[in-house]
Protein backbone atom coordinates (compact mmCIF):
# COMPACT_ATOMS: atom_id res chain seq x y z
CA UNK A 1 -1.98 6.15 -5.28
CA UNK A 2 1.36 6.97 -7.61
CA UNK A 3 2.68 4.63 -10.33
CA UNK A 4 5.77 5.08 -12.25
CA UNK A 5 5.90 3.37 -15.70
CA UNK A 6 9.09 2.81 -17.79
CA UNK A 7 9.85 2.26 -21.58
CA UNK A 8 12.26 2.33 -24.39
CA UNK A 9 14.78 -0.27 -23.32
CA UNK A 10 16.09 -3.27 -25.12
CA UNK A 11 19.14 -4.52 -26.87
CA UNK A 12 21.65 -1.87 -28.74
CA UNK A 13 25.21 -2.31 -30.37
CA UNK A 14 27.90 -0.39 -28.83
CA UNK A 15 28.20 3.06 -30.15
CA UNK A 16 24.30 2.84 -30.08
CA UNK A 17 21.43 4.79 -28.67
CA UNK A 18 18.24 4.37 -26.59
CA UNK A 19 15.77 6.48 -25.19
CA UNK A 20 13.87 5.78 -22.02
CA UNK A 21 10.75 7.53 -20.52
CA UNK A 22 9.16 7.36 -17.35
CA UNK A 23 5.76 8.63 -16.55
CA UNK A 24 4.26 9.29 -12.95
CA UNK A 25 0.59 9.01 -12.78
CA UNK A 26 -1.92 8.75 -10.06
CA UNK A 27 -3.07 11.27 -7.10
CA UNK A 28 0.00 13.74 -7.44
CA UNK A 29 0.14 17.09 -6.01
CA UNK A 30 3.59 18.16 -7.09
CA UNK A 31 6.69 16.43 -8.28
CA UNK A 32 10.37 17.51 -7.00
CA UNK A 33 13.37 15.66 -8.21
CA UNK A 34 13.17 12.85 -10.99
CA UNK A 35 15.76 10.81 -12.00
CA UNK A 36 17.40 7.54 -13.25
CA UNK A 37 19.30 4.80 -11.25
CA UNK A 38 21.05 1.58 -12.55
CA UNK A 39 21.81 -2.00 -11.38
CA UNK A 40 24.32 -4.38 -13.20
CA UNK A 41 24.31 -7.68 -12.11
CA UNK A 42 26.35 -8.19 -9.01
CA UNK A 43 26.57 -4.29 -8.40
CA UNK A 44 24.70 -1.90 -6.06
CA UNK A 45 22.33 0.62 -7.82
CA UNK A 46 23.44 3.97 -8.58
CA UNK A 47 22.77 6.93 -9.89
CA UNK A 48 23.09 8.00 -13.65
CA UNK A 49 21.29 11.60 -13.81
CA UNK A 50 18.62 13.62 -11.94
CA UNK A 51 17.09 16.90 -12.79
CA UNK A 52 14.97 18.94 -10.48
CA UNK A 53 11.24 20.53 -11.45
CA UNK A 54 13.24 23.73 -12.41
CA UNK A 55 15.23 21.79 -14.75
CA UNK A 56 18.83 21.93 -12.77
CA UNK A 57 20.63 18.36 -14.02
CA UNK A 58 23.18 16.27 -12.31
CA UNK A 59 24.94 13.29 -14.07
CA UNK A 60 27.21 10.61 -12.78
CA UNK A 61 30.99 11.27 -14.29
CA UNK A 62 30.58 7.73 -16.52
CA UNK A 63 27.83 8.92 -18.35
CA UNK A 64 28.65 12.78 -18.76
CA UNK A 65 28.62 13.78 -22.46
CA UNK A 66 26.99 10.85 -23.69
CA UNK A 67 23.42 10.69 -21.84
CA UNK A 68 21.03 13.70 -21.99
CA UNK A 69 18.03 13.77 -18.91
CA UNK A 70 14.89 15.90 -19.46
CA UNK A 71 11.35 16.20 -18.30
CA UNK A 72 7.99 17.50 -19.25
CA UNK A 73 6.46 19.14 -16.17
CA UNK A 74 3.11 18.96 -17.79
CA UNK A 75 3.21 15.19 -18.53
CA UNK A 76 4.63 14.07 -15.11
CA UNK A 77 7.33 12.62 -17.32
CA UNK A 78 11.16 12.31 -17.55
CA UNK A 79 13.43 11.12 -20.51
CA UNK A 80 16.82 9.68 -20.56
CA UNK A 81 18.64 10.16 -24.19
CA UNK A 82 21.75 7.62 -23.97
CA UNK A 83 24.01 7.75 -27.09
CA UNK A 84 27.59 6.29 -27.45
CA UNK A 85 26.46 3.15 -25.27
CA UNK A 86 29.18 0.83 -24.21
CA UNK A 87 28.97 -2.23 -22.92
CA UNK A 88 29.46 -1.57 -19.49
CA UNK A 89 26.13 0.51 -19.45
CA UNK A 90 24.10 -2.87 -19.57
CA UNK A 91 22.10 -2.68 -16.37
CA UNK A 92 18.60 -2.84 -15.31
CA UNK A 93 17.52 1.33 -15.48
CA UNK A 94 15.27 2.74 -12.45
CA UNK A 95 13.12 5.53 -12.80
CA UNK A 96 13.15 7.24 -9.20
CA UNK A 97 10.92 10.50 -8.31
CA UNK A 98 10.46 12.51 -5.00
CA UNK A 99 6.39 12.88 -5.17
CA UNK A 100 4.10 15.06 -3.08
CA UNK A 101 1.00 13.29 -2.65
CA UNK A 102 -1.25 15.38 -0.35
CA UNK A 103 1.10 16.58 2.63
CA UNK A 104 3.32 13.50 2.44
CA UNK A 105 6.56 13.56 0.22
CA UNK A 106 7.81 10.30 -0.84
CA UNK A 107 10.16 8.30 -2.73
CA UNK A 108 8.86 6.36 -5.65
CA UNK A 109 10.33 3.72 -8.17
CA UNK A 110 9.53 2.01 -11.34
CA UNK A 111 9.45 -1.51 -12.32
CA UNK A 112 13.22 -1.31 -14.42
CA UNK A 113 13.83 -1.49 -17.97
CA UNK A 114 16.72 -3.79 -19.25
CA UNK A 115 19.06 -1.78 -21.28
CA UNK A 116 22.02 -4.28 -23.16
CA UNK A 117 24.62 -3.37 -24.82
CA UNK A 118 26.35 -6.03 -26.58
CA UNK A 119 27.25 -6.94 -30.53
């Protein structure tokens, strides 16, 4: 069984920073893409940033230049450094990973961590 455990959310003032972490554990053979998504109240879940096992990254236009995604393959962990936070970044942030367990490649999600940007 595979688990994704997130940490690092919280309340921050506009212009502030937060760092999210997500660690994958379990019977993992390999991890392809890892990423972060978010869902604000009344809105659909949207992609924030993804990173491949080789380090290639992709960002939503709304976070380019402010957020940085990175991963530690040895620790099966992905990070999201969020700077210059805005109220519109308020959402539940979900970790996602495409993980190979045995011969199966499946999509896994974390439980979500709340990020609130408010003065």
